[in-house]
Structure formats: structure tokens, C-alpha cells
N, C-alpha and C. Protein backbone atom coordinates (compact mmCIF):
# COMPACT_ATOMS: atom_id res chain seq x y z
N MET A 1 118.85 43.13 10.35
CA MET A 1 118.93 42.23 9.21
C MET A 1 118.52 42.96 7.95
N ILE A 2 119.27 42.78 6.85
CA ILE A 2 118.95 43.44 5.60
C ILE A 2 117.97 42.59 4.81
N MET A 3 116.91 43.23 4.34
CA MET A 3 115.87 42.54 3.59
C MET A 3 116.41 42.05 2.26
N CYS A 4 116.22 40.77 1.95
CA CYS A 4 116.64 40.18 0.67
C CYS A 4 115.51 39.30 0.14
N THR A 5 114.33 39.87 0.02
CA THR A 5 113.19 39.10 -0.44
C THR A 5 113.27 38.88 -1.94
N CYS A 6 112.45 38.00 -2.46
CA CYS A 6 112.39 37.79 -3.90
C CYS A 6 111.97 39.09 -4.58
N CYS A 7 112.62 39.38 -5.67
CA CYS A 7 112.39 40.67 -6.33
C CYS A 7 111.15 40.62 -7.22
N VAL A 8 110.55 41.79 -7.43
CA VAL A 8 109.43 41.91 -8.35
C VAL A 8 110.00 42.02 -9.76
N ALA A 9 109.48 41.23 -10.69
CA ALA A 9 110.06 41.18 -12.03
C ALA A 9 109.71 42.41 -12.87
N ASP A 10 108.47 42.85 -12.80
CA ASP A 10 108.00 43.94 -13.64
C ASP A 10 107.64 45.15 -12.78
N ASN A 11 107.65 46.31 -13.41
CA ASN A 11 107.24 47.50 -12.70
C ASN A 11 105.81 47.34 -12.21
N ALA A 12 105.57 47.83 -11.00
CA ALA A 12 104.25 47.72 -10.38
C ALA A 12 103.65 49.11 -10.23
N PHE A 13 102.36 49.14 -9.93
CA PHE A 13 101.64 50.40 -9.80
C PHE A 13 100.80 50.37 -8.52
N VAL A 14 100.77 51.49 -7.81
CA VAL A 14 99.98 51.59 -6.59
C VAL A 14 99.26 52.93 -6.55
N VAL A 15 98.22 52.99 -5.75
CA VAL A 15 97.55 54.25 -5.42
C VAL A 15 97.73 54.49 -3.93
N ILE A 16 98.33 55.62 -3.60
CA ILE A 16 98.46 56.05 -2.21
C ILE A 16 97.23 56.89 -1.90
N LYS A 17 96.33 56.34 -1.10
CA LYS A 17 95.10 57.06 -0.75
C LYS A 17 95.37 57.85 0.53
N THR A 18 95.24 59.17 0.46
CA THR A 18 95.49 60.03 1.61
C THR A 18 94.25 60.82 1.96
N SER A 19 94.28 61.46 3.12
CA SER A 19 93.15 62.29 3.54
C SER A 19 93.04 63.56 2.70
N LYS A 20 93.99 63.80 1.82
CA LYS A 20 93.95 64.96 0.91
C LYS A 20 93.66 64.56 -0.52
N GLY A 21 93.62 63.25 -0.79
CA GLY A 21 93.38 62.80 -2.16
C GLY A 21 94.32 61.67 -2.54
N ASP A 22 94.19 61.21 -3.77
CA ASP A 22 94.96 60.05 -4.23
C ASP A 22 96.22 60.48 -4.97
N ILE A 23 97.28 59.69 -4.75
CA ILE A 23 98.54 59.86 -5.46
C ILE A 23 98.83 58.54 -6.16
N ARG A 24 98.93 58.56 -7.47
CA ARG A 24 99.18 57.34 -8.23
C ARG A 24 100.66 57.24 -8.56
N VAL A 25 101.19 56.04 -8.45
CA VAL A 25 102.65 55.86 -8.50
C VAL A 25 103.02 54.64 -9.34
N GLU A 26 104.08 54.79 -10.12
CA GLU A 26 104.73 53.65 -10.77
C GLU A 26 105.98 53.30 -9.98
N LEU A 27 106.16 52.02 -9.68
CA LEU A 27 107.30 51.54 -8.92
C LEU A 27 108.31 50.89 -9.87
N TYR A 28 109.57 51.29 -9.77
CA TYR A 28 110.59 50.84 -10.71
C TYR A 28 111.28 49.56 -10.22
N ALA A 29 110.56 48.47 -10.35
CA ALA A 29 111.11 47.19 -9.91
C ALA A 29 112.33 46.78 -10.73
N ASP A 30 112.43 47.28 -11.95
CA ASP A 30 113.57 46.94 -12.79
C ASP A 30 114.85 47.62 -12.30
N LYS A 31 114.73 48.77 -11.66
CA LYS A 31 115.89 49.53 -11.20
C LYS A 31 116.13 49.40 -9.70
N ALA A 32 115.09 49.14 -8.94
CA ALA A 32 115.21 49.05 -7.48
C ALA A 32 114.45 47.82 -6.99
N PRO A 33 114.86 46.63 -7.39
CA PRO A 33 114.09 45.42 -7.10
C PRO A 33 113.94 45.11 -5.63
N LEU A 34 114.99 45.28 -4.84
CA LEU A 34 114.91 44.98 -3.41
C LEU A 34 113.99 45.97 -2.70
N THR A 35 114.12 47.24 -3.06
CA THR A 35 113.31 48.28 -2.43
C THR A 35 111.84 48.10 -2.76
N VAL A 36 111.55 47.85 -4.02
CA VAL A 36 110.15 47.69 -4.43
C VAL A 36 109.54 46.44 -3.80
N ALA A 37 110.30 45.36 -3.73
CA ALA A 37 109.79 44.14 -3.10
C ALA A 37 109.47 44.38 -1.64
N SER A 38 110.34 45.10 -0.94
CA SER A 38 110.09 45.42 0.47
C SER A 38 108.87 46.32 0.62
N PHE A 39 108.81 47.37 -0.21
CA PHE A 39 107.69 48.31 -0.16
C PHE A 39 106.37 47.60 -0.39
N LEU A 40 106.31 46.75 -1.41
CA LEU A 40 105.07 46.05 -1.72
C LEU A 40 104.69 45.06 -0.62
N GLY A 41 105.70 44.51 0.05
CA GLY A 41 105.41 43.65 1.19
C GLY A 41 104.67 44.40 2.27
N HIS A 42 105.11 45.64 2.53
CA HIS A 42 104.42 46.47 3.53
C HIS A 42 103.04 46.89 3.03
N VAL A 43 102.94 47.18 1.72
CA VAL A 43 101.64 47.53 1.14
C VAL A 43 100.66 46.39 1.31
N ASP A 44 101.07 45.18 0.95
CA ASP A 44 100.17 44.03 1.03
C ASP A 44 99.77 43.72 2.47
N ALA A 45 100.64 44.04 3.42
CA ALA A 45 100.34 43.79 4.83
C ALA A 45 99.52 44.91 5.45
N GLY A 46 99.30 46.00 4.71
CA GLY A 46 98.53 47.13 5.23
C GLY A 46 99.28 47.96 6.25
N ASP A 47 100.62 47.88 6.21
CA ASP A 47 101.43 48.54 7.24
C ASP A 47 101.39 50.07 7.16
N TYR A 48 101.07 50.60 5.98
CA TYR A 48 101.07 52.06 5.84
C TYR A 48 99.75 52.71 6.25
N SER A 49 98.72 51.91 6.44
CA SER A 49 97.41 52.46 6.79
C SER A 49 97.49 53.22 8.11
N ASP A 50 96.95 54.43 8.11
CA ASP A 50 96.89 55.31 9.29
C ASP A 50 98.22 55.96 9.65
N ALA A 51 99.26 55.73 8.85
CA ALA A 51 100.49 56.51 9.06
C ALA A 51 100.22 57.94 8.61
N ILE A 52 100.89 58.89 9.25
CA ILE A 52 100.73 60.29 8.87
C ILE A 52 101.94 60.75 8.07
N PHE A 53 101.75 61.84 7.34
CA PHE A 53 102.90 62.54 6.78
C PHE A 53 103.49 63.35 7.93
N HIS A 54 104.61 62.85 8.47
CA HIS A 54 105.13 63.43 9.71
C HIS A 54 106.21 64.49 9.48
N ARG A 55 106.61 64.68 8.24
CA ARG A 55 107.60 65.72 7.94
C ARG A 55 107.32 66.26 6.54
N THR A 56 106.99 67.53 6.45
CA THR A 56 106.76 68.16 5.16
C THR A 56 107.53 69.47 5.13
N VAL A 57 108.33 69.65 4.08
CA VAL A 57 109.17 70.85 3.94
C VAL A 57 108.93 71.43 2.55
N ALA A 58 108.38 72.63 2.49
CA ALA A 58 108.08 73.27 1.22
C ALA A 58 109.35 73.42 0.38
N GLY A 59 109.23 73.07 -0.89
CA GLY A 59 110.37 73.16 -1.78
C GLY A 59 111.36 72.04 -1.63
N PHE A 60 111.03 71.02 -0.81
CA PHE A 60 111.96 69.92 -0.58
C PHE A 60 111.26 68.57 -0.74
N MET A 61 110.47 68.14 0.26
CA MET A 61 109.87 66.82 0.18
C MET A 61 108.78 66.65 1.23
N ILE A 62 108.01 65.54 1.07
CA ILE A 62 107.04 65.12 2.09
C ILE A 62 107.38 63.68 2.47
N GLN A 63 107.35 63.39 3.77
CA GLN A 63 107.82 62.09 4.28
C GLN A 63 106.74 61.41 5.11
N THR A 64 106.68 60.09 4.99
CA THR A 64 105.66 59.32 5.70
C THR A 64 106.16 57.91 5.98
N GLY A 65 105.31 57.14 6.67
CA GLY A 65 105.60 55.73 6.90
C GLY A 65 106.25 55.42 8.23
N GLY A 66 106.40 56.44 9.09
CA GLY A 66 107.11 56.19 10.34
C GLY A 66 106.32 56.39 11.61
N TYR A 67 105.23 57.17 11.54
CA TYR A 67 104.54 57.55 12.78
C TYR A 67 103.02 57.59 12.59
N HIS A 68 102.34 57.30 13.71
CA HIS A 68 100.89 57.50 13.80
C HIS A 68 100.61 58.92 14.29
N GLU A 69 99.33 59.28 14.35
CA GLU A 69 98.97 60.65 14.72
C GLU A 69 99.47 61.03 16.11
N ASP A 70 99.51 60.07 17.04
CA ASP A 70 99.98 60.38 18.39
C ASP A 70 101.51 60.31 18.48
N MET A 71 102.16 60.18 17.33
CA MET A 71 103.62 60.14 17.19
C MET A 71 104.24 58.88 17.78
N THR A 72 103.42 57.86 17.99
CA THR A 72 104.01 56.54 18.26
C THR A 72 104.54 56.00 16.94
N GLU A 73 105.61 55.21 17.03
CA GLU A 73 106.28 54.75 15.82
C GLU A 73 105.54 53.58 15.17
N VAL A 74 105.54 53.59 13.85
CA VAL A 74 105.05 52.44 13.08
C VAL A 74 106.11 51.35 13.15
N GLU A 75 105.68 50.11 13.29
CA GLU A 75 106.62 48.98 13.27
C GLU A 75 107.18 48.84 11.86
N GLU A 76 108.50 49.05 11.71
CA GLU A 76 109.06 49.23 10.37
C GLU A 76 109.66 47.99 9.73
N GLY A 77 109.92 46.94 10.45
CA GLY A 77 110.41 45.73 9.81
C GLY A 77 111.90 45.74 9.50
N ASP A 78 112.30 44.95 8.51
CA ASP A 78 113.71 44.70 8.21
C ASP A 78 114.35 45.85 7.44
N ILE A 79 115.67 45.91 7.54
CA ILE A 79 116.45 46.88 6.78
C ILE A 79 116.50 46.46 5.32
N VAL A 80 116.48 47.46 4.44
CA VAL A 80 116.56 47.22 2.99
C VAL A 80 117.91 47.72 2.49
N ARG A 81 118.60 46.92 1.71
CA ARG A 81 119.87 47.34 1.14
C ARG A 81 119.67 48.58 0.28
N ASN A 82 120.53 49.56 0.45
CA ASN A 82 120.41 50.84 -0.25
C ASN A 82 120.74 50.68 -1.74
N GLU A 83 119.76 51.00 -2.59
CA GLU A 83 119.93 50.90 -4.03
C GLU A 83 120.06 52.26 -4.70
N ALA A 84 120.62 53.23 -3.96
CA ALA A 84 120.76 54.58 -4.51
C ALA A 84 121.70 54.65 -5.70
N ASP A 85 122.50 53.61 -5.90
CA ASP A 85 123.43 53.57 -7.03
C ASP A 85 122.81 52.96 -8.27
N ASN A 86 121.47 53.02 -8.37
CA ASN A 86 120.77 52.41 -9.50
C ASN A 86 120.62 53.35 -10.70
N GLY A 87 121.15 54.56 -10.60
CA GLY A 87 121.09 55.50 -11.71
C GLY A 87 119.88 56.41 -11.70
N LEU A 88 118.90 56.16 -10.83
CA LEU A 88 117.72 57.01 -10.73
C LEU A 88 118.04 58.24 -9.88
N LEU A 89 117.47 59.38 -10.26
CA LEU A 89 117.77 60.65 -9.60
C LEU A 89 116.60 61.14 -8.78
N ASN A 90 116.91 61.89 -7.73
CA ASN A 90 115.88 62.47 -6.85
C ASN A 90 115.33 63.75 -7.47
N VAL A 91 114.56 63.57 -8.52
CA VAL A 91 113.92 64.71 -9.19
C VAL A 91 112.49 64.85 -8.67
N LYS A 92 111.89 65.97 -8.97
CA LYS A 92 110.53 66.25 -8.48
C LYS A 92 109.58 65.15 -8.88
N GLY A 93 108.81 64.67 -7.91
CA GLY A 93 107.81 63.65 -8.16
C GLY A 93 108.27 62.23 -7.96
N THR A 94 109.56 62.03 -7.66
CA THR A 94 110.05 60.67 -7.42
C THR A 94 109.88 60.29 -5.96
N LEU A 95 109.76 58.98 -5.72
CA LEU A 95 109.71 58.41 -4.37
C LEU A 95 111.09 57.86 -4.04
N ALA A 96 111.55 58.09 -2.82
CA ALA A 96 112.84 57.57 -2.37
C ALA A 96 112.72 57.12 -0.93
N MET A 97 113.61 56.22 -0.54
CA MET A 97 113.61 55.70 0.81
C MET A 97 114.29 56.66 1.77
N ALA A 98 113.65 56.90 2.91
CA ALA A 98 114.28 57.66 4.00
C ALA A 98 115.16 56.69 4.79
N ARG A 99 116.20 57.22 5.43
CA ARG A 99 117.09 56.35 6.20
C ARG A 99 117.83 57.17 7.24
N MET A 100 118.59 56.47 8.07
CA MET A 100 119.47 57.11 9.03
C MET A 100 120.80 57.41 8.33
N ASP A 101 121.84 57.76 9.10
CA ASP A 101 123.13 58.08 8.49
C ASP A 101 123.78 56.87 7.82
N GLU A 102 123.59 55.68 8.39
CA GLU A 102 124.19 54.48 7.82
C GLU A 102 123.65 54.22 6.42
N ILE A 103 124.53 53.76 5.54
CA ILE A 103 124.14 53.52 4.14
C ILE A 103 122.95 52.59 4.06
N ASP A 104 123.02 51.46 4.72
CA ASP A 104 121.94 50.48 4.70
C ASP A 104 121.14 50.57 5.99
N SER A 105 120.23 51.53 6.06
CA SER A 105 119.43 51.70 7.27
C SER A 105 117.96 52.01 6.96
N ALA A 106 117.59 52.03 5.67
CA ALA A 106 116.18 52.25 5.32
C ALA A 106 115.35 51.04 5.72
N ARG A 107 114.13 51.31 6.13
CA ARG A 107 113.21 50.23 6.49
C ARG A 107 111.88 50.41 5.75
N MET A 108 111.07 51.34 6.22
CA MET A 108 109.72 51.49 5.66
C MET A 108 109.40 52.93 5.27
N GLN A 109 110.01 53.89 5.93
CA GLN A 109 109.72 55.29 5.65
C GLN A 109 110.19 55.67 4.24
N PHE A 110 109.38 56.49 3.58
CA PHE A 110 109.75 56.99 2.27
C PHE A 110 109.34 58.45 2.15
N PHE A 111 109.88 59.11 1.14
CA PHE A 111 109.48 60.49 0.89
C PHE A 111 109.24 60.70 -0.60
N ILE A 112 108.47 61.73 -0.90
CA ILE A 112 108.24 62.14 -2.28
C ILE A 112 108.94 63.47 -2.48
N ASN A 113 109.83 63.53 -3.43
CA ASN A 113 110.55 64.76 -3.71
C ASN A 113 109.60 65.81 -4.27
N ALA A 114 109.58 66.98 -3.64
CA ALA A 114 108.75 68.09 -4.09
C ALA A 114 109.54 69.06 -4.96
N SER A 115 110.80 68.74 -5.19
CA SER A 115 111.69 69.56 -6.00
C SER A 115 112.79 68.65 -6.53
N ASP A 116 113.62 69.17 -7.41
CA ASP A 116 114.79 68.42 -7.86
C ASP A 116 115.85 68.52 -6.77
N ASN A 117 116.18 67.40 -6.15
CA ASN A 117 117.09 67.37 -5.00
C ASN A 117 118.35 66.58 -5.33
N SER A 118 119.20 67.17 -6.15
CA SER A 118 120.38 66.47 -6.63
C SER A 118 121.36 66.13 -5.50
N HIS A 119 121.29 66.88 -4.38
CA HIS A 119 122.20 66.60 -3.26
C HIS A 119 121.86 65.27 -2.57
N LEU A 120 120.72 64.67 -2.93
CA LEU A 120 120.34 63.38 -2.36
C LEU A 120 120.75 62.21 -3.26
N ASP A 121 121.34 62.52 -4.41
CA ASP A 121 121.69 61.47 -5.37
C ASP A 121 123.01 60.78 -5.03
N HIS A 122 123.12 59.55 -5.46
CA HIS A 122 124.40 58.84 -5.46
C HIS A 122 125.27 59.43 -6.56
N SER A 123 126.59 59.47 -6.35
CA SER A 123 127.50 59.99 -7.36
C SER A 123 128.84 59.26 -7.26
N ASP A 124 129.73 59.58 -8.18
CA ASP A 124 131.07 58.99 -8.15
C ASP A 124 131.84 59.38 -6.90
N ASP A 125 131.43 60.48 -6.27
CA ASP A 125 132.10 60.96 -5.05
C ASP A 125 131.47 60.41 -3.78
N SER A 126 130.45 59.58 -3.93
CA SER A 126 129.74 59.08 -2.76
C SER A 126 130.60 58.12 -1.93
N CYS A 127 130.31 58.09 -0.64
CA CYS A 127 130.96 57.13 0.24
C CYS A 127 130.61 55.71 -0.19
N THR A 128 131.47 54.78 0.17
CA THR A 128 131.21 53.37 -0.09
C THR A 128 130.95 52.67 1.24
N ARG A 129 130.49 51.44 1.17
CA ARG A 129 130.30 50.66 2.40
C ARG A 129 131.64 50.39 3.06
N GLN A 130 132.69 50.30 2.27
CA GLN A 130 134.03 50.13 2.85
C GLN A 130 134.44 51.37 3.64
N ASP A 131 134.16 52.56 3.08
CA ASP A 131 134.44 53.81 3.82
C ASP A 131 133.70 53.81 5.16
N GLU A 132 132.45 53.39 5.12
CA GLU A 132 131.62 53.37 6.33
C GLU A 132 132.20 52.42 7.36
N THR A 133 132.66 51.25 6.93
CA THR A 133 133.24 50.26 7.84
C THR A 133 134.52 50.79 8.48
N ILE A 134 135.36 51.43 7.68
CA ILE A 134 136.62 51.98 8.19
C ILE A 134 136.35 53.05 9.25
N ARG A 135 135.38 53.92 8.99
CA ARG A 135 135.05 54.97 9.96
C ARG A 135 134.49 54.37 11.25
N ALA A 136 133.66 53.34 11.11
CA ALA A 136 133.07 52.70 12.29
C ALA A 136 134.15 52.05 13.14
N LYS A 137 135.11 51.39 12.50
CA LYS A 137 136.20 50.76 13.25
C LYS A 137 137.05 51.81 13.96
N ALA A 138 137.29 52.93 13.29
CA ALA A 138 138.06 54.00 13.91
C ALA A 138 137.32 54.59 15.11
N ALA A 139 136.01 54.77 14.95
CA ALA A 139 135.20 55.30 16.05
C ALA A 139 135.20 54.36 17.24
N ALA A 140 135.17 53.05 16.97
CA ALA A 140 135.18 52.07 18.06
C ALA A 140 136.48 52.12 18.84
N ARG A 141 137.55 52.59 18.20
CA ARG A 141 138.85 52.73 18.87
C ARG A 141 139.03 54.12 19.47
N GLY A 142 137.96 54.94 19.38
CA GLY A 142 138.02 56.28 19.94
C GLY A 142 138.70 57.28 19.04
N LEU A 143 138.84 56.94 17.77
CA LEU A 143 139.50 57.84 16.83
C LEU A 143 138.46 58.57 15.99
N TYR A 144 138.74 59.82 15.70
CA TYR A 144 137.85 60.60 14.86
C TYR A 144 138.38 60.57 13.44
N LYS A 145 137.58 60.05 12.52
CA LYS A 145 137.99 60.01 11.12
C LYS A 145 137.05 60.93 10.33
N PRO A 146 137.55 62.08 9.88
CA PRO A 146 136.66 63.02 9.19
C PRO A 146 136.08 62.42 7.91
N LYS A 147 134.88 62.81 7.61
CA LYS A 147 134.20 62.32 6.41
C LYS A 147 134.70 63.11 5.21
N THR A 148 135.26 62.43 4.23
CA THR A 148 135.82 63.11 3.06
C THR A 148 135.05 62.78 1.78
N CYS A 149 133.97 62.05 1.92
CA CYS A 149 133.19 61.70 0.74
C CYS A 149 131.73 62.11 0.97
N LYS A 150 130.97 62.15 -0.11
CA LYS A 150 129.57 62.54 -0.03
C LYS A 150 128.72 61.35 0.42
N SER A 151 127.49 61.67 0.82
CA SER A 151 126.55 60.62 1.20
C SER A 151 126.38 59.62 0.08
N PHE A 152 126.14 58.37 0.44
CA PHE A 152 125.89 57.32 -0.55
C PHE A 152 124.68 57.66 -1.41
N GLY A 153 123.75 58.43 -0.86
CA GLY A 153 122.55 58.81 -1.58
C GLY A 153 121.31 58.12 -1.05
N TYR A 154 120.15 58.55 -1.56
CA TYR A 154 118.85 58.04 -1.14
C TYR A 154 118.20 57.34 -2.34
N ALA A 155 117.79 56.10 -2.11
CA ALA A 155 117.36 55.23 -3.21
C ALA A 155 116.00 55.61 -3.76
N VAL A 156 115.97 56.05 -5.00
CA VAL A 156 114.73 56.30 -5.71
C VAL A 156 114.17 54.97 -6.19
N PHE A 157 112.86 54.77 -6.01
CA PHE A 157 112.26 53.49 -6.41
C PHE A 157 110.93 53.65 -7.12
N GLY A 158 110.50 54.87 -7.40
CA GLY A 158 109.23 55.07 -8.09
C GLY A 158 109.01 56.54 -8.40
N ALA A 159 107.89 56.82 -9.04
CA ALA A 159 107.55 58.20 -9.39
C ALA A 159 106.05 58.37 -9.46
N VAL A 160 105.61 59.57 -9.13
CA VAL A 160 104.19 59.92 -9.20
C VAL A 160 103.78 60.02 -10.67
N THR A 161 102.70 59.35 -11.04
CA THR A 161 102.17 59.46 -12.39
C THR A 161 100.97 60.39 -12.44
N SER A 162 100.31 60.57 -11.31
CA SER A 162 99.16 61.47 -11.21
C SER A 162 98.94 61.80 -9.74
N GLY A 163 98.56 63.04 -9.47
CA GLY A 163 98.30 63.44 -8.09
C GLY A 163 99.37 64.37 -7.52
N MET A 164 100.16 65.01 -8.39
CA MET A 164 101.15 65.96 -7.88
C MET A 164 100.48 67.15 -7.21
N ASP A 165 99.22 67.43 -7.58
CA ASP A 165 98.50 68.50 -6.89
C ASP A 165 98.27 68.14 -5.43
N VAL A 166 98.06 66.85 -5.15
CA VAL A 166 97.91 66.39 -3.77
C VAL A 166 99.25 66.49 -3.05
N VAL A 167 100.32 66.08 -3.71
CA VAL A 167 101.66 66.20 -3.13
C VAL A 167 101.94 67.66 -2.76
N GLU A 168 101.63 68.58 -3.66
CA GLU A 168 101.89 69.99 -3.42
C GLU A 168 101.04 70.55 -2.29
N GLU A 169 99.80 70.07 -2.16
CA GLU A 169 98.96 70.52 -1.04
C GLU A 169 99.56 70.06 0.29
N ILE A 170 100.03 68.82 0.33
CA ILE A 170 100.67 68.31 1.55
C ILE A 170 101.97 69.07 1.83
N GLU A 171 102.74 69.29 0.78
CA GLU A 171 104.02 69.99 0.90
C GLU A 171 103.85 71.37 1.53
N LEU A 172 102.78 72.07 1.19
CA LEU A 172 102.57 73.45 1.62
C LEU A 172 101.76 73.57 2.91
N ALA A 173 101.49 72.44 3.56
CA ALA A 173 100.72 72.47 4.81
C ALA A 173 101.47 73.25 5.89
N ASP A 174 100.72 73.94 6.74
CA ASP A 174 101.32 74.62 7.89
C ASP A 174 101.87 73.57 8.85
N THR A 175 103.08 73.79 9.34
CA THR A 175 103.73 72.79 10.19
C THR A 175 104.18 73.39 11.51
N GLY A 176 104.52 72.51 12.43
CA GLY A 176 105.02 72.93 13.73
C GLY A 176 105.71 71.78 14.43
N LEU A 177 105.89 71.95 15.73
CA LEU A 177 106.58 70.95 16.55
C LEU A 177 105.54 70.05 17.22
N ARG A 178 105.77 68.73 17.13
CA ARG A 178 104.88 67.78 17.80
C ARG A 178 105.72 66.65 18.39
N ALA A 179 105.62 66.48 19.69
CA ALA A 179 106.33 65.40 20.39
C ALA A 179 107.82 65.41 20.06
N GLY A 180 108.38 66.61 19.95
CA GLY A 180 109.80 66.73 19.69
C GLY A 180 110.20 66.66 18.23
N HIS A 181 109.24 66.46 17.35
CA HIS A 181 109.52 66.36 15.92
C HIS A 181 109.16 67.68 15.22
N GLN A 182 110.06 68.15 14.38
CA GLN A 182 109.83 69.39 13.64
C GLN A 182 109.15 69.11 12.31
N ASP A 183 108.57 70.15 11.73
CA ASP A 183 107.98 70.11 10.38
C ASP A 183 106.81 69.13 10.28
N VAL A 184 106.09 68.95 11.37
CA VAL A 184 104.91 68.08 11.36
C VAL A 184 103.68 68.92 11.00
N PRO A 185 102.89 68.55 9.99
CA PRO A 185 101.68 69.30 9.66
C PRO A 185 100.78 69.49 10.88
N LEU A 186 100.31 70.72 11.08
CA LEU A 186 99.45 71.01 12.23
C LEU A 186 98.14 70.24 12.15
N GLU A 187 97.62 70.10 10.93
CA GLU A 187 96.46 69.25 10.69
C GLU A 187 96.98 67.91 10.20
N SER A 188 96.70 66.85 10.93
CA SER A 188 97.23 65.54 10.56
C SER A 188 96.76 65.13 9.17
N ILE A 189 97.70 64.67 8.36
CA ILE A 189 97.40 64.20 7.01
C ILE A 189 97.74 62.71 6.97
N PHE A 190 96.75 61.88 6.69
CA PHE A 190 96.87 60.43 6.82
C PHE A 190 97.06 59.74 5.48
N ILE A 191 97.72 58.59 5.52
CA ILE A 191 97.56 57.58 4.48
C ILE A 191 96.43 56.67 4.96
N THR A 192 95.35 56.63 4.22
CA THR A 192 94.28 55.71 4.60
C THR A 192 94.60 54.29 4.12
N SER A 193 95.25 54.19 2.96
CA SER A 193 95.71 52.89 2.47
C SER A 193 96.61 53.10 1.27
N ILE A 194 97.41 52.08 0.98
CA ILE A 194 98.12 52.02 -0.29
C ILE A 194 97.71 50.70 -0.94
N GLU A 195 97.27 50.77 -2.19
CA GLU A 195 96.73 49.60 -2.85
C GLU A 195 97.41 49.37 -4.19
N ARG A 196 97.67 48.11 -4.50
CA ARG A 196 98.18 47.76 -5.83
C ARG A 196 97.06 47.95 -6.87
N VAL A 197 97.44 48.40 -8.05
CA VAL A 197 96.49 48.50 -9.16
C VAL A 197 97.21 48.09 -10.43
N GLU A 198 96.43 47.79 -11.45
CA GLU A 198 97.00 47.51 -12.77
C GLU A 198 97.26 48.84 -13.48
N SER A 199 98.22 48.86 -14.37
CA SER A 199 98.55 50.09 -15.09
C SER A 199 97.36 50.59 -15.89
N THR A 200 96.52 49.65 -16.39
CA THR A 200 95.34 50.05 -17.14
C THR A 200 94.34 50.79 -16.26
N GLU A 201 94.27 50.42 -15.00
CA GLU A 201 93.38 51.12 -14.07
C GLU A 201 93.82 52.56 -13.90
N LEU A 202 95.13 52.78 -13.84
CA LEU A 202 95.64 54.14 -13.71
C LEU A 202 95.29 54.96 -14.94
N LYS A 203 95.41 54.36 -16.12
CA LYS A 203 95.12 55.09 -17.36
C LYS A 203 93.66 55.46 -17.43
N ILE A 204 92.79 54.52 -17.06
CA ILE A 204 91.35 54.81 -17.08
C ILE A 204 91.02 55.94 -16.12
N LYS A 205 91.61 55.90 -14.92
CA LYS A 205 91.34 56.94 -13.94
C LYS A 205 91.87 58.28 -14.42
N ASP A 206 93.07 58.29 -15.01
CA ASP A 206 93.64 59.54 -15.51
C ASP A 206 92.78 60.12 -16.61
N ASP A 207 92.26 59.25 -17.50
CA ASP A 207 91.40 59.72 -18.59
C ASP A 207 90.12 60.34 -18.02
N GLN A 208 89.59 59.75 -16.95
CA GLN A 208 88.38 60.27 -16.32
C GLN A 208 88.62 61.63 -15.68
N ASP A 209 89.85 61.84 -15.19
CA ASP A 209 90.17 63.10 -14.51
C ASP A 209 90.40 64.25 -15.48
N GLN A 210 90.63 63.92 -16.76
CA GLN A 210 90.93 64.97 -17.74
C GLN A 210 89.65 65.64 -18.24
């Protein structure tokens, strides 16, 4: 089922508290209302607590929200409609939804871009949901229909306002294979919690850090 919760009217702010430090984020509810509403629902329910960063690739991104330390899966909830066509780009410091191959398959996992990743963006050449349906019908009939369009893209829904040093520390962690998963940090890096904050709280904290 695709998540269609009531949208958040104004941009929201959260602090991602990790075992390496805090990452402060602005969420673009004006550009990605369905994604932000779903994300905040998981935040309010405490669903991200104790999730690990289970995939970190230097020069690319850090990903979380899917697994606990023992690599059991986090309960991810409903599918969120892909909002990658909202005009936001996967540039360094932005948050985007992770997903499977299907256009609308994101649930709870997200990643923070550690570099400008334009190949993850939606474009005029991107596949459409109609393209996806046609290929699925062909596959069901045993026909191979080659993919002639680019990925629909990965929906950006926020950006880091402070704490990129923490992102970079996580990004550069030594990684290996764990329970069949590649690029898992050898030392587990946790989200202890994600909490909503007011924008003024972020400014006060940033001023204190300077």
C-alpha cells in the first residue's frame, strides 16, 4: 500500500542523534510532502532508534533505517509514493529515500548524499510509471523488454544544515561484509534517536558551536 498521509504544511526540522554525533536537518515539506509526512511519522513513533548505518560508501552516500546491529530488519511500514520529480537534486548533504528497483518502493530507509550524485536525479529521460507497467506486463508474459529509459530517480526530501563532519566520519568508516551485506561499517554506528526541533533551536545550537 502506498502511503498517502496528510501532508506537513511547513518545512520541519529534526536532529539525527548518532553514536558519532548529531546531524541537524531541514525537511522540505513544501517539495516532498508525502515523503516528509511519512518520515516524520516514523520519527514520532521512534522507529529509527537503534537502527544502524548499514551501508556507507566513501565519495557516495551513507544509508540507514533498515537494519539493527544483528542485521535483523527494521519494520518499515507502508510504501511512499516516489517524489523524485519534485525538482530537488541529489547534491552533497541532501537526504533522499532509498528504494528497490520499482519506482514506488521506498518505505523507511534513507541515505545522505556524501557527494553530488546527479545519476540519482529524476530527469526528462527518466522512466515513467507507465513504462514500468508495460515492462511488468511483458515480463508476466515471459517477454524480455529492454530498459530504454533512465531510473525515475531517488526522492530528495531534506538537507543537512549542520553536522556534515559527522556525515563524513560515518562515510569514511572502515567497512566489510556482515550477514551477506556489503559496505557495513565494522564498528556499528547507531541512530540513538531522531527528534523534531524548532528552527530557532537549530540556530541557537549552531551559534553555540561556532
